[in-house]
Amino acid sequence: MTPQMGLFFGAIAFVGSHFLLSHPLREPLVRRMGEGPFRGFYSLVALLLFGLMIWSYRAVGREPQWWAPSEVVWIAGAILMWVASILFVGSFVGNPALPGSRGPRGGPHGVLAITRHPMMWSFALWAIVHLAAVAQFKAIILDGAIIFLALVGAAMQDRKKAGLMGETWHEWTAQTAFVPFTRGFANPGAVALIGGTVLFLLATWLHPLPVGVWRWLG
């Protein structure tokens, strides 16, 4: 199997396993394995398949770029990555969509006032920025899989939570936005803002190529 095929089939397996384990197979497997072991199994499958995608992506090597990223792309990418980092950190604070949550409590606050799916959008924004900057076919496969999984997964999560929580989830979706900032701007909160900024600076500093603010400070 060539690296390109490995990346392609790895992406299909990565997305497909997430949907299967999150929806039709989740309940029977939880009954059989228990909640804790199932979460471990779910995480292991996701980690192995994501690792396969990354290995295949690197094995493909450099490909011709479909476009040359301009300075505007790099500036917009840095801003979006900062926003994605804030959403990711803030997604761990009072998020009713996280496993084990008892559902929404009170009105949306923090990053949940920006979007009810902050973690999913953090992944999607990262993939969008990566795709725009790399501009190679292999990035379309890798990042396209992540974008598809994040956004379609968020929509399916809404459907699943509505089935489990009924009117409570419908009331929550009526107060929150699916797409970030479509209900206006909101204060993400100190934890998300500070933690997300630190994550953004650290992740971009550790990146093998100068990205983020380090592209201009290096």
N, C-alpha and C. Protein backbone atom coordinates (compact mmCIF):
# COMPACT_ATOMS: atom_id res chain seq x y z
N MET A 1 0.85 -1.20 0.00
CA MET A 1 0.00 0.00 0.00
C MET A 1 0.88 1.24 0.00
N THR A 2 0.59 2.17 -0.89
CA THR A 2 1.36 3.41 -0.96
C THR A 2 0.97 4.33 0.19
N PRO A 3 1.85 5.30 0.54
CA PRO A 3 1.48 6.27 1.59
C PRO A 3 0.20 7.03 1.26
N GLN A 4 -0.01 7.34 -0.04
CA GLN A 4 -1.22 8.05 -0.42
C GLN A 4 -2.47 7.23 -0.12
N MET A 5 -2.40 5.91 -0.42
CA MET A 5 -3.54 5.05 -0.13
C MET A 5 -3.73 4.89 1.37
N GLY A 6 -2.61 4.78 2.09
CA GLY A 6 -2.69 4.68 3.54
C GLY A 6 -3.37 5.90 4.15
N LEU A 7 -3.04 7.08 3.62
CA LEU A 7 -3.66 8.31 4.11
C LEU A 7 -5.15 8.33 3.78
N PHE A 8 -5.48 7.95 2.56
CA PHE A 8 -6.87 7.97 2.12
C PHE A 8 -7.73 7.01 2.95
N PHE A 9 -7.29 5.75 3.05
CA PHE A 9 -8.08 4.77 3.80
C PHE A 9 -8.02 5.03 5.31
N GLY A 10 -6.90 5.59 5.77
CA GLY A 10 -6.81 5.96 7.17
C GLY A 10 -7.81 7.05 7.52
N ALA A 11 -7.97 8.01 6.60
CA ALA A 11 -8.94 9.09 6.83
C ALA A 11 -10.36 8.55 6.87
N ILE A 12 -10.68 7.63 5.95
CA ILE A 12 -12.02 7.03 5.93
C ILE A 12 -12.27 6.26 7.23
N ALA A 13 -11.27 5.47 7.65
CA ALA A 13 -11.43 4.69 8.87
C ALA A 13 -11.53 5.59 10.10
N PHE A 14 -10.76 6.67 10.13
CA PHE A 14 -10.77 7.60 11.26
C PHE A 14 -12.15 8.24 11.41
N VAL A 15 -12.69 8.74 10.31
CA VAL A 15 -14.01 9.38 10.35
C VAL A 15 -15.09 8.34 10.61
N GLY A 16 -15.04 7.22 9.88
CA GLY A 16 -16.07 6.20 10.03
C GLY A 16 -16.14 5.60 11.42
N SER A 17 -14.98 5.34 12.02
CA SER A 17 -14.97 4.74 13.36
C SER A 17 -15.53 5.70 14.39
N HIS A 18 -15.25 7.00 14.22
CA HIS A 18 -15.81 7.98 15.15
C HIS A 18 -17.34 7.97 15.10
N PHE A 19 -17.89 7.99 13.90
CA PHE A 19 -19.34 8.01 13.77
C PHE A 19 -19.97 6.72 14.29
N LEU A 20 -19.36 5.58 13.97
CA LEU A 20 -19.91 4.30 14.41
C LEU A 20 -19.86 4.16 15.93
N LEU A 21 -18.71 4.53 16.52
CA LEU A 21 -18.55 4.37 17.96
C LEU A 21 -19.29 5.43 18.76
N SER A 22 -19.59 6.56 18.12
CA SER A 22 -20.32 7.61 18.83
C SER A 22 -21.83 7.43 18.75
N HIS A 23 -22.29 6.64 17.79
CA HIS A 23 -23.74 6.56 17.58
C HIS A 23 -24.24 5.11 17.59
N PRO A 24 -24.28 4.37 16.47
CA PRO A 24 -24.97 3.07 16.51
C PRO A 24 -24.29 2.03 17.40
N LEU A 25 -22.95 2.07 17.50
CA LEU A 25 -22.26 1.03 18.27
C LEU A 25 -22.02 1.41 19.73
N ARG A 26 -22.26 2.67 20.07
CA ARG A 26 -21.92 3.11 21.42
C ARG A 26 -22.73 2.39 22.50
N GLU A 27 -24.04 2.38 22.36
CA GLU A 27 -24.88 1.80 23.41
C GLU A 27 -24.63 0.31 23.61
N PRO A 28 -24.59 -0.52 22.55
CA PRO A 28 -24.34 -1.94 22.79
C PRO A 28 -22.94 -2.21 23.37
N LEU A 29 -21.95 -1.43 22.94
CA LEU A 29 -20.60 -1.64 23.47
C LEU A 29 -20.49 -1.18 24.92
N VAL A 30 -21.17 -0.10 25.27
CA VAL A 30 -21.16 0.36 26.67
C VAL A 30 -21.81 -0.68 27.57
N ARG A 31 -22.92 -1.27 27.09
CA ARG A 31 -23.59 -2.32 27.88
C ARG A 31 -22.67 -3.51 28.10
N ARG A 32 -21.89 -3.83 27.08
CA ARG A 32 -21.04 -5.01 27.17
C ARG A 32 -19.74 -4.74 27.93
N MET A 33 -19.14 -3.55 27.71
CA MET A 33 -17.82 -3.25 28.26
C MET A 33 -17.87 -2.40 29.53
N GLY A 34 -18.91 -1.59 29.65
CA GLY A 34 -18.94 -0.59 30.71
C GLY A 34 -18.46 0.75 30.17
N GLU A 35 -18.89 1.83 30.79
CA GLU A 35 -18.60 3.18 30.29
C GLU A 35 -17.10 3.48 30.26
N GLY A 36 -16.40 3.18 31.36
CA GLY A 36 -14.98 3.48 31.44
C GLY A 36 -14.15 2.74 30.39
N PRO A 37 -14.25 1.39 30.33
CA PRO A 37 -13.50 0.66 29.31
C PRO A 37 -13.86 1.08 27.89
N PHE A 38 -15.14 1.40 27.66
CA PHE A 38 -15.53 1.84 26.31
C PHE A 38 -14.81 3.13 25.94
N ARG A 39 -14.75 4.08 26.87
CA ARG A 39 -14.06 5.34 26.57
C ARG A 39 -12.59 5.09 26.27
N GLY A 40 -12.00 4.15 27.00
CA GLY A 40 -10.61 3.80 26.72
C GLY A 40 -10.44 3.18 25.35
N PHE A 41 -11.36 2.29 24.99
CA PHE A 41 -11.33 1.65 23.67
C PHE A 41 -11.53 2.69 22.58
N TYR A 42 -12.49 3.57 22.77
CA TYR A 42 -12.78 4.64 21.81
C TYR A 42 -11.54 5.50 21.58
N SER A 43 -10.90 5.89 22.66
CA SER A 43 -9.71 6.74 22.57
C SER A 43 -8.56 6.02 21.89
N LEU A 44 -8.40 4.73 22.19
CA LEU A 44 -7.32 3.95 21.58
C LEU A 44 -7.51 3.83 20.06
N VAL A 45 -8.73 3.53 19.64
CA VAL A 45 -9.02 3.42 18.20
C VAL A 45 -8.74 4.75 17.51
N ALA A 46 -9.22 5.85 18.12
CA ALA A 46 -9.02 7.17 17.53
C ALA A 46 -7.53 7.51 17.44
N LEU A 47 -6.79 7.19 18.50
CA LEU A 47 -5.36 7.50 18.52
C LEU A 47 -4.60 6.69 17.47
N LEU A 48 -4.91 5.41 17.36
CA LEU A 48 -4.21 4.56 16.39
C LEU A 48 -4.50 5.00 14.95
N LEU A 49 -5.75 5.31 14.66
CA LEU A 49 -6.10 5.71 13.29
C LEU A 49 -5.58 7.11 12.97
N PHE A 50 -5.58 7.98 13.94
CA PHE A 50 -5.00 9.31 13.71
C PHE A 50 -3.50 9.19 13.49
N GLY A 51 -2.87 8.30 14.26
CA GLY A 51 -1.44 8.05 14.08
C GLY A 51 -1.14 7.51 12.69
N LEU A 52 -2.01 6.62 12.19
CA LEU A 52 -1.84 6.10 10.83
C LEU A 52 -1.93 7.22 9.81
N MET A 53 -2.88 8.13 10.01
CA MET A 53 -3.01 9.25 9.08
C MET A 53 -1.76 10.14 9.09
N ILE A 54 -1.27 10.45 10.27
CA ILE A 54 -0.10 11.32 10.38
C ILE A 54 1.13 10.65 9.78
N TRP A 55 1.31 9.35 10.07
CA TRP A 55 2.46 8.63 9.50
C TRP A 55 2.39 8.62 7.98
N SER A 56 1.20 8.34 7.44
CA SER A 56 1.04 8.31 5.99
C SER A 56 1.23 9.69 5.39
N TYR A 57 0.72 10.70 6.07
CA TYR A 57 0.85 12.08 5.60
C TYR A 57 2.33 12.45 5.46
N ARG A 58 3.11 12.11 6.47
CA ARG A 58 4.55 12.43 6.41
C ARG A 58 5.27 11.58 5.39
N ALA A 59 4.83 10.33 5.23
CA ALA A 59 5.48 9.43 4.27
C ALA A 59 5.23 9.87 2.83
N VAL A 60 4.14 10.56 2.59
CA VAL A 60 3.86 11.05 1.23
C VAL A 60 4.94 12.02 0.76
N GLY A 61 5.48 12.79 1.71
CA GLY A 61 6.50 13.77 1.34
C GLY A 61 5.89 15.03 0.78
N ARG A 62 6.73 15.89 0.24
CA ARG A 62 6.25 17.16 -0.29
C ARG A 62 5.62 16.98 -1.66
N GLU A 63 4.47 17.60 -1.85
CA GLU A 63 3.76 17.57 -3.11
C GLU A 63 3.68 18.98 -3.70
N PRO A 64 3.36 19.09 -4.98
CA PRO A 64 3.18 20.43 -5.56
C PRO A 64 2.06 21.19 -4.85
N GLN A 65 2.29 22.46 -4.61
CA GLN A 65 1.26 23.28 -3.97
C GLN A 65 0.20 23.71 -4.99
N TRP A 66 -1.04 23.68 -4.56
CA TRP A 66 -2.13 24.08 -5.43
C TRP A 66 -2.24 25.60 -5.51
N TRP A 67 -1.75 26.28 -4.50
CA TRP A 67 -1.70 27.74 -4.50
C TRP A 67 -0.57 28.18 -3.57
N ALA A 68 -0.12 29.41 -3.75
CA ALA A 68 0.95 29.95 -2.90
C ALA A 68 0.31 30.79 -1.80
N PRO A 69 0.40 30.35 -0.54
CA PRO A 69 -0.20 31.11 0.56
C PRO A 69 0.39 32.53 0.64
N SER A 70 -0.47 33.52 0.64
CA SER A 70 -0.02 34.90 0.72
C SER A 70 0.19 35.30 2.18
N GLU A 71 0.71 36.50 2.37
CA GLU A 71 0.91 37.00 3.73
C GLU A 71 -0.43 37.15 4.45
N VAL A 72 -1.47 37.46 3.70
CA VAL A 72 -2.81 37.58 4.29
C VAL A 72 -3.25 36.24 4.88
N VAL A 73 -2.93 35.15 4.17
CA VAL A 73 -3.27 33.82 4.67
C VAL A 73 -2.56 33.53 5.98
N TRP A 74 -1.28 33.91 6.08
CA TRP A 74 -0.52 33.66 7.30
C TRP A 74 -1.06 34.50 8.47
N ILE A 75 -1.44 35.74 8.20
CA ILE A 75 -1.98 36.60 9.26
C ILE A 75 -3.34 36.08 9.72
N ALA A 76 -4.22 35.79 8.75
CA ALA A 76 -5.53 35.26 9.09
C ALA A 76 -5.40 33.91 9.81
N GLY A 77 -4.44 33.11 9.36
CA GLY A 77 -4.22 31.81 9.99
C GLY A 77 -3.80 31.93 11.44
N ALA A 78 -2.92 32.88 11.73
CA ALA A 78 -2.48 33.09 13.11
C ALA A 78 -3.65 33.51 14.00
N ILE A 79 -4.50 34.40 13.49
CA ILE A 79 -5.65 34.85 14.27
C ILE A 79 -6.62 33.69 14.51
N LEU A 80 -6.90 32.92 13.46
CA LEU A 80 -7.83 31.80 13.60
C LEU A 80 -7.29 30.72 14.53
N MET A 81 -5.98 30.49 14.48
CA MET A 81 -5.39 29.50 15.39
C MET A 81 -5.48 29.96 16.84
N TRP A 82 -5.33 31.26 17.06
CA TRP A 82 -5.48 31.81 18.41
C TRP A 82 -6.92 31.61 18.89
N VAL A 83 -7.89 31.91 18.02
CA VAL A 83 -9.29 31.71 18.36
C VAL A 83 -9.58 30.23 18.63
N ALA A 84 -9.02 29.35 17.78
CA ALA A 84 -9.23 27.91 17.97
C ALA A 84 -8.68 27.44 19.31
N SER A 85 -7.53 27.97 19.71
CA SER A 85 -6.93 27.59 21.00
C SER A 85 -7.79 28.05 22.16
N ILE A 86 -8.36 29.24 22.05
CA ILE A 86 -9.25 29.75 23.10
C ILE A 86 -10.51 28.88 23.19
N LEU A 87 -11.08 28.53 22.04
CA LEU A 87 -12.27 27.67 22.04
C LEU A 87 -11.96 26.30 22.64
N PHE A 88 -10.78 25.75 22.30
CA PHE A 88 -10.42 24.42 22.80
C PHE A 88 -10.30 24.42 24.32
N VAL A 89 -9.55 25.36 24.87
CA VAL A 89 -9.38 25.41 26.33
C VAL A 89 -10.72 25.68 27.00
N GLY A 90 -11.49 26.62 26.45
CA GLY A 90 -12.77 26.96 27.05
C GLY A 90 -13.80 25.85 26.97
N SER A 91 -13.60 24.89 26.04
CA SER A 91 -14.58 23.81 25.87
C SER A 91 -14.62 22.87 27.08
N PHE A 92 -13.63 22.94 27.94
CA PHE A 92 -13.60 22.07 29.12
C PHE A 92 -14.30 22.71 30.32
N VAL A 93 -14.80 23.93 30.15
CA VAL A 93 -15.43 24.66 31.26
C VAL A 93 -16.95 24.67 31.08
N GLY A 94 -17.65 23.83 31.84
CA GLY A 94 -19.11 23.83 31.85
C GLY A 94 -19.76 23.44 30.54
N ASN A 95 -19.12 22.59 29.77
CA ASN A 95 -19.64 22.21 28.46
C ASN A 95 -20.64 21.06 28.60
N PRO A 96 -21.92 21.27 28.30
CA PRO A 96 -22.92 20.20 28.46
C PRO A 96 -22.81 19.10 27.41
N ALA A 97 -21.98 19.31 26.38
CA ALA A 97 -21.83 18.28 25.35
C ALA A 97 -20.75 17.27 25.70
N LEU A 98 -19.96 17.52 26.74
CA LEU A 98 -18.90 16.58 27.12
C LEU A 98 -19.50 15.30 27.69
N PRO A 99 -18.82 14.15 27.49
CA PRO A 99 -19.32 12.89 28.05
C PRO A 99 -19.48 13.00 29.57
N GLY A 100 -20.58 12.47 30.06
CA GLY A 100 -20.82 12.49 31.50
C GLY A 100 -21.54 13.72 32.00
N SER A 101 -21.71 14.74 31.15
CA SER A 101 -22.40 15.95 31.57
C SER A 101 -23.89 15.68 31.75
N ARG A 102 -24.48 16.37 32.70
CA ARG A 102 -25.91 16.19 32.96
C ARG A 102 -26.77 17.14 32.12
N GLY A 103 -26.14 17.89 31.28
CA GLY A 103 -26.90 18.78 30.41
C GLY A 103 -26.68 20.24 30.75
N PRO A 104 -27.29 21.13 29.99
CA PRO A 104 -27.10 22.57 30.20
C PRO A 104 -27.62 23.01 31.56
N ARG A 105 -26.85 23.93 32.16
CA ARG A 105 -27.27 24.52 33.43
C ARG A 105 -27.11 26.02 33.32
N GLY A 106 -28.23 26.72 33.32
CA GLY A 106 -28.19 28.16 33.16
C GLY A 106 -27.97 28.54 31.70
N GLY A 107 -27.83 29.81 31.46
CA GLY A 107 -27.62 30.30 30.10
C GLY A 107 -26.19 30.10 29.65
N PRO A 108 -25.94 30.22 28.34
CA PRO A 108 -24.57 30.05 27.83
C PRO A 108 -23.63 31.14 28.33
N HIS A 109 -22.43 30.75 28.69
CA HIS A 109 -21.43 31.71 29.13
C HIS A 109 -20.06 31.22 28.65
N GLY A 110 -19.07 32.09 28.72
CA GLY A 110 -17.73 31.74 28.24
C GLY A 110 -17.76 31.45 26.75
N VAL A 111 -16.97 30.49 26.32
CA VAL A 111 -16.92 30.16 24.89
C VAL A 111 -18.24 29.57 24.40
N LEU A 112 -19.06 29.06 25.32
CA LEU A 112 -20.35 28.50 24.92
C LEU A 112 -21.31 29.59 24.47
N ALA A 113 -21.01 30.84 24.79
CA ALA A 113 -21.79 31.95 24.26
C ALA A 113 -21.32 32.33 22.86
N ILE A 114 -20.19 31.77 22.45
CA ILE A 114 -19.67 31.98 21.09
C ILE A 114 -20.18 30.88 20.16
N THR A 115 -20.08 29.64 20.61
CA THR A 115 -20.61 28.48 19.89
C THR A 115 -20.87 27.37 20.89
N ARG A 116 -21.90 26.58 20.65
CA ARG A 116 -22.18 25.47 21.57
C ARG A 116 -21.29 24.27 21.30
N HIS A 117 -20.46 24.35 20.26
CA HIS A 117 -19.52 23.27 19.95
C HIS A 117 -18.09 23.82 19.86
N PRO A 118 -17.57 24.36 20.96
CA PRO A 118 -16.25 24.99 20.90
C PRO A 118 -15.12 24.03 20.57
N MET A 119 -15.17 22.80 21.08
CA MET A 119 -14.10 21.86 20.80
C MET A 119 -14.11 21.45 19.33
N MET A 120 -15.28 21.14 18.81
CA MET A 120 -15.40 20.74 17.41
C MET A 120 -14.91 21.85 16.49
N TRP A 121 -15.29 23.09 16.79
CA TRP A 121 -14.87 24.20 15.95
C TRP A 121 -13.37 24.49 16.09
N SER A 122 -12.80 24.20 17.26
CA SER A 122 -11.35 24.38 17.40
C SER A 122 -10.61 23.44 16.46
N PHE A 123 -11.08 22.19 16.34
CA PHE A 123 -10.47 21.24 15.41
C PHE A 123 -10.67 21.69 13.97
N ALA A 124 -11.91 22.12 13.65
CA ALA A 124 -12.21 22.54 12.28
C ALA A 124 -11.37 23.75 11.88
N LEU A 125 -11.25 24.72 12.75
CA LEU A 125 -10.46 25.92 12.44
C LEU A 125 -8.99 25.58 12.26
N TRP A 126 -8.47 24.69 13.12
CA TRP A 126 -7.07 24.27 12.96
C TRP A 126 -6.88 23.64 11.59
N ALA A 127 -7.79 22.76 11.19
CA ALA A 127 -7.66 22.07 9.91
C ALA A 127 -7.79 23.04 8.74
N ILE A 128 -8.68 24.00 8.85
CA ILE A 128 -8.85 24.99 7.78
C ILE A 128 -7.56 25.79 7.60
N VAL A 129 -6.97 26.23 8.70
CA VAL A 129 -5.72 27.00 8.64
C VAL A 129 -4.60 26.16 8.06
N HIS A 130 -4.50 24.92 8.52
CA HIS A 130 -3.43 24.02 8.04
C HIS A 130 -3.57 23.79 6.54
N LEU A 131 -4.79 23.56 6.09
CA LEU A 131 -5.03 23.33 4.67
C LEU A 131 -4.67 24.56 3.84
N ALA A 132 -5.06 25.73 4.31
CA ALA A 132 -4.79 26.96 3.56
C ALA A 132 -3.30 27.24 3.47
N ALA A 133 -2.55 26.88 4.52
CA ALA A 133 -1.12 27.16 4.54
C ALA A 133 -0.30 26.11 3.79
N VAL A 134 -0.70 24.85 3.86
CA VAL A 134 0.05 23.77 3.20
C VAL A 134 -0.27 23.71 1.71
N ALA A 135 -1.55 23.77 1.39
CA ALA A 135 -2.01 23.83 0.00
C ALA A 135 -1.51 22.67 -0.86
N GLN A 136 -1.49 21.47 -0.28
CA GLN A 136 -1.11 20.27 -1.02
C GLN A 136 -2.25 19.26 -0.98
N PHE A 137 -2.25 18.34 -1.93
CA PHE A 137 -3.35 17.38 -2.01
C PHE A 137 -3.46 16.54 -0.74
N LYS A 138 -2.34 16.15 -0.17
CA LYS A 138 -2.39 15.33 1.04
C LYS A 138 -3.06 16.08 2.19
N ALA A 139 -2.91 17.41 2.20
CA ALA A 139 -3.55 18.21 3.24
C ALA A 139 -5.06 18.25 3.04
N ILE A 140 -5.50 18.20 1.79
CA ILE A 140 -6.94 18.16 1.52
C ILE A 140 -7.55 16.91 2.13
N ILE A 141 -6.85 15.79 2.03
CA ILE A 141 -7.37 14.53 2.60
C ILE A 141 -7.35 14.59 4.13
N LEU A 142 -6.19 14.92 4.70
CA LEU A 142 -6.06 14.94 6.16
C LEU A 142 -6.98 15.98 6.78
N ASP A 143 -6.87 17.22 6.33
CA ASP A 143 -7.63 18.31 6.94
C ASP A 143 -9.11 18.22 6.57
N GLY A 144 -9.39 17.74 5.34
CA GLY A 144 -10.78 17.56 4.96
C GLY A 144 -11.48 16.56 5.86
N ALA A 145 -10.78 15.49 6.24
CA ALA A 145 -11.37 14.49 7.13
C ALA A 145 -11.67 15.10 8.50
N ILE A 146 -10.75 15.92 9.00
CA ILE A 146 -10.94 16.53 10.31
C ILE A 146 -12.08 17.54 10.28
N ILE A 147 -12.14 18.36 9.22
CA ILE A 147 -13.22 19.34 9.09
C ILE A 147 -14.57 18.63 9.00
N PHE A 148 -14.64 17.60 8.17
CA PHE A 148 -15.89 16.85 8.00
C PHE A 148 -16.32 16.22 9.32
N LEU A 149 -15.38 15.57 9.99
CA LEU A 149 -15.70 14.91 11.25
C LEU A 149 -16.16 15.91 12.30
N ALA A 150 -15.47 17.03 12.39
CA ALA A 150 -15.81 18.03 13.42
C ALA A 150 -17.18 18.64 13.20
N LEU A 151 -17.47 19.07 11.98
CA LEU A 151 -18.71 19.80 11.74
C LEU A 151 -19.92 18.88 11.59
N VAL A 152 -19.75 17.78 10.85
CA VAL A 152 -20.86 16.82 10.76
C VAL A 152 -21.07 16.15 12.12
N GLY A 153 -19.96 15.88 12.82
CA GLY A 153 -20.07 15.30 14.15
C GLY A 153 -20.80 16.22 15.11
N ALA A 154 -20.57 17.53 15.00
CA ALA A 154 -21.27 18.49 15.86
C ALA A 154 -22.77 18.48 15.59
N ALA A 155 -23.13 18.42 14.30
CA ALA A 155 -24.55 18.37 13.94
C ALA A 155 -25.20 17.09 14.46
N MET A 156 -24.49 15.98 14.34
CA MET A 156 -25.03 14.70 14.83
C MET A 156 -25.10 14.69 16.35
N GLN A 157 -24.17 15.39 16.98
CA GLN A 157 -24.20 15.48 18.44
C GLN A 157 -25.45 16.24 18.90
N ASP A 158 -25.79 17.31 18.17
CA ASP A 158 -27.02 18.04 18.49
C ASP A 158 -28.23 17.12 18.42
N ARG A 159 -28.25 16.33 17.36
CA ARG A 159 -29.38 15.41 17.17
C ARG A 159 -29.44 14.37 18.29
N LYS A 160 -28.28 13.84 18.63
CA LYS A 160 -28.23 12.81 19.68
C LYS A 160 -28.64 13.40 21.04
N LYS A 161 -28.11 14.57 21.37
CA LYS A 161 -28.44 15.19 22.65
C LYS A 161 -29.92 15.58 22.72
N ALA A 162 -30.48 15.99 21.58
CA ALA A 162 -31.90 16.32 21.56
C ALA A 162 -32.74 15.09 21.87
N GLY A 163 -32.32 13.93 21.35
CA GLY A 163 -33.02 12.69 21.63
C GLY A 163 -32.91 12.27 23.08
N LEU A 164 -31.76 12.54 23.70
CA LEU A 164 -31.54 12.15 25.08
C LEU A 164 -32.15 13.13 26.07
N MET A 165 -32.08 14.43 25.77
CA MET A 165 -32.48 15.46 26.73
C MET A 165 -33.78 16.17 26.37
N GLY A 166 -34.26 15.94 25.15
CA GLY A 166 -35.53 16.52 24.75
C GLY A 166 -35.56 18.03 24.78
N GLU A 167 -36.57 18.59 25.44
CA GLU A 167 -36.81 20.02 25.44
C GLU A 167 -35.64 20.81 26.04
N THR A 168 -34.94 20.19 26.99
CA THR A 168 -33.80 20.87 27.62
C THR A 168 -32.75 21.24 26.59
N TRP A 169 -32.46 20.29 25.67
CA TRP A 169 -31.45 20.57 24.64
C TRP A 169 -31.99 21.54 23.60
N HIS A 170 -33.27 21.46 23.28
CA HIS A 170 -33.87 22.39 22.32
C HIS A 170 -33.81 23.82 22.86
N GLU A 171 -34.04 23.98 24.16
CA GLU A 171 -33.94 25.30 24.77
C GLU A 171 -32.49 25.81 24.72
N TRP A 172 -31.56 24.88 24.89
CA TRP A 172 -30.14 25.25 24.86
C TRP A 172 -29.73 25.70 23.45
N THR A 173 -30.14 24.96 22.44
CA THR A 173 -29.78 25.32 21.07
C THR A 173 -30.43 26.64 20.66
N ALA A 174 -31.58 26.96 21.25
CA ALA A 174 -32.25 28.22 20.93
C ALA A 174 -31.48 29.42 21.48
N GLN A 175 -30.64 29.17 22.50
CA GLN A 175 -29.88 30.25 23.11
C GLN A 175 -28.44 30.34 22.60
N THR A 176 -28.01 29.33 21.83
CA THR A 176 -26.61 29.25 21.43
C THR A 176 -26.47 29.21 19.92
N ALA A 177 -25.25 29.40 19.45
CA ALA A 177 -24.98 29.39 18.01
C ALA A 177 -24.23 28.12 17.63
N PHE A 178 -24.55 27.60 16.45
CA PHE A 178 -23.76 26.48 15.91
C PHE A 178 -22.45 27.03 15.34
N VAL A 179 -22.55 28.04 14.47
CA VAL A 179 -21.38 28.67 13.87
C VAL A 179 -20.88 29.77 14.80
N PRO A 180 -19.59 29.78 15.14
CA PRO A 180 -19.07 30.79 16.07
C PRO A 180 -19.38 32.22 15.66
N PHE A 181 -19.74 33.02 16.65
CA PHE A 181 -19.93 34.47 16.53
C PHE A 181 -21.17 34.86 15.72
N THR A 182 -22.00 33.91 15.31
CA THR A 182 -23.19 34.29 14.55
C THR A 182 -24.26 34.90 15.45
N ARG A 183 -24.10 34.81 16.75
CA ARG A 183 -24.98 35.51 17.69
C ARG A 183 -24.25 36.69 18.33
N GLY A 184 -23.18 37.12 17.71
CA GLY A 184 -22.41 38.24 18.23
C GLY A 184 -21.17 37.79 18.98
N PHE A 185 -20.40 38.74 19.45
CA PHE A 185 -19.19 38.44 20.19
C PHE A 185 -19.52 38.27 21.67
N ALA A 186 -18.69 37.50 22.36
CA ALA A 186 -18.90 37.25 23.78
C ALA A 186 -17.56 37.11 24.47
N ASN A 187 -17.53 37.38 25.75
CA ASN A 187 -16.31 37.23 26.54
C ASN A 187 -16.06 35.74 26.78
N PRO A 188 -14.94 35.19 26.30
CA PRO A 188 -14.70 33.76 26.48
C PRO A 188 -14.37 33.37 27.91
N GLY A 189 -14.05 34.34 28.75
CA GLY A 189 -13.67 34.04 30.12
C GLY A 189 -12.17 33.99 30.30
N ALA A 190 -11.70 34.25 31.51
CA ALA A 190 -10.27 34.33 31.78
C ALA A 190 -9.55 33.02 31.53
N VAL A 191 -10.15 31.91 31.94
CA VAL A 191 -9.50 30.60 31.78
C VAL A 191 -9.25 30.31 30.31
N ALA A 192 -10.29 30.51 29.49
CA ALA A 192 -10.16 30.25 28.06
C ALA A 192 -9.20 31.21 27.39
N LEU A 193 -9.29 32.49 27.74
CA LEU A 193 -8.47 33.51 27.08
C LEU A 193 -6.99 33.33 27.42
N ILE A 194 -6.69 33.18 28.71
CA ILE A 194 -5.29 33.04 29.13
C ILE A 194 -4.75 31.67 28.73
N GLY A 195 -5.51 30.61 29.05
CA GLY A 195 -5.07 29.27 28.69
C GLY A 195 -4.94 29.07 27.20
N GLY A 196 -5.89 29.61 26.44
CA GLY A 196 -5.84 29.49 24.99
C GLY A 196 -4.67 30.24 24.39
N THR A 197 -4.37 31.41 24.94
CA THR A 197 -3.23 32.19 24.44
C THR A 197 -1.92 31.47 24.71
N VAL A 198 -1.80 30.89 25.91
CA VAL A 198 -0.59 30.13 26.25
C VAL A 198 -0.47 28.91 25.33
N LEU A 199 -1.57 28.21 25.12
CA LEU A 199 -1.55 27.04 24.23
C LEU A 199 -1.16 27.44 22.82
N PHE A 200 -1.73 28.53 22.32
CA PHE A 200 -1.41 29.02 20.97
C PHE A 200 0.07 29.35 20.83
N LEU A 201 0.61 30.09 21.79
CA LEU A 201 2.03 30.47 21.73
C LEU A 201 2.94 29.25 21.84
N LEU A 202 2.59 28.32 22.72
CA LEU A 202 3.43 27.14 22.91
C LEU A 202 3.37 26.23 21.69
N ALA A 203 2.16 25.96 21.19
CA ALA A 203 2.00 25.06 20.05
C ALA A 203 2.68 25.61 18.80
N THR A 204 2.54 26.90 18.57
CA THR A 204 3.18 27.48 17.37
C THR A 204 4.69 27.59 17.54
N TRP A 205 5.15 27.75 18.77
CA TRP A 205 6.60 27.80 19.01
C TRP A 205 7.24 26.43 18.79
N LEU A 206 6.50 25.37 19.17
CA LEU A 206 7.01 24.00 19.00
C LEU A 206 6.86 23.49 17.57
N HIS A 207 6.14 24.20 16.75
CA HIS A 207 5.92 23.77 15.37
C HIS A 207 7.26 23.73 14.62
N PRO A 208 7.47 22.70 13.78
CA PRO A 208 8.77 22.59 13.08
C PRO A 208 9.07 23.75 12.14
N LEU A 209 8.04 24.43 11.67
CA LEU A 209 8.23 25.61 10.82
C LEU A 209 7.74 26.84 11.57
N PRO A 210 8.31 28.02 11.31
CA PRO A 210 7.85 29.23 12.01
C PRO A 210 6.43 29.60 11.61
N VAL A 211 5.52 29.51 12.55
CA VAL A 211 4.12 29.84 12.29
C VAL A 211 3.60 30.73 13.41
N GLY A 212 2.39 31.24 13.24
CA GLY A 212 1.84 32.13 14.25
C GLY A 212 2.67 33.39 14.34
N VAL A 213 2.74 33.95 15.53
CA VAL A 213 3.51 35.20 15.73
C VAL A 213 5.00 34.97 15.52
N TRP A 214 5.45 33.71 15.70
CA TRP A 214 6.88 33.41 15.57
C TRP A 214 7.35 33.54 14.12
N ARG A 215 6.42 33.55 13.18
CA ARG A 215 6.79 33.76 11.78
C ARG A 215 7.41 35.15 11.58
N TRP A 216 6.95 36.11 12.39
CA TRP A 216 7.44 37.48 12.24
C TRP A 216 8.42 37.86 13.35
N LEU A 217 8.43 37.10 14.45
CA LEU A 217 9.34 37.41 15.55
C LEU A 217 10.65 36.64 15.48
N GLY A 218 10.63 35.54 14.69
CA GLY A 218 11.82 34.70 14.64
C GLY A 218 12.96 35.30 13.85
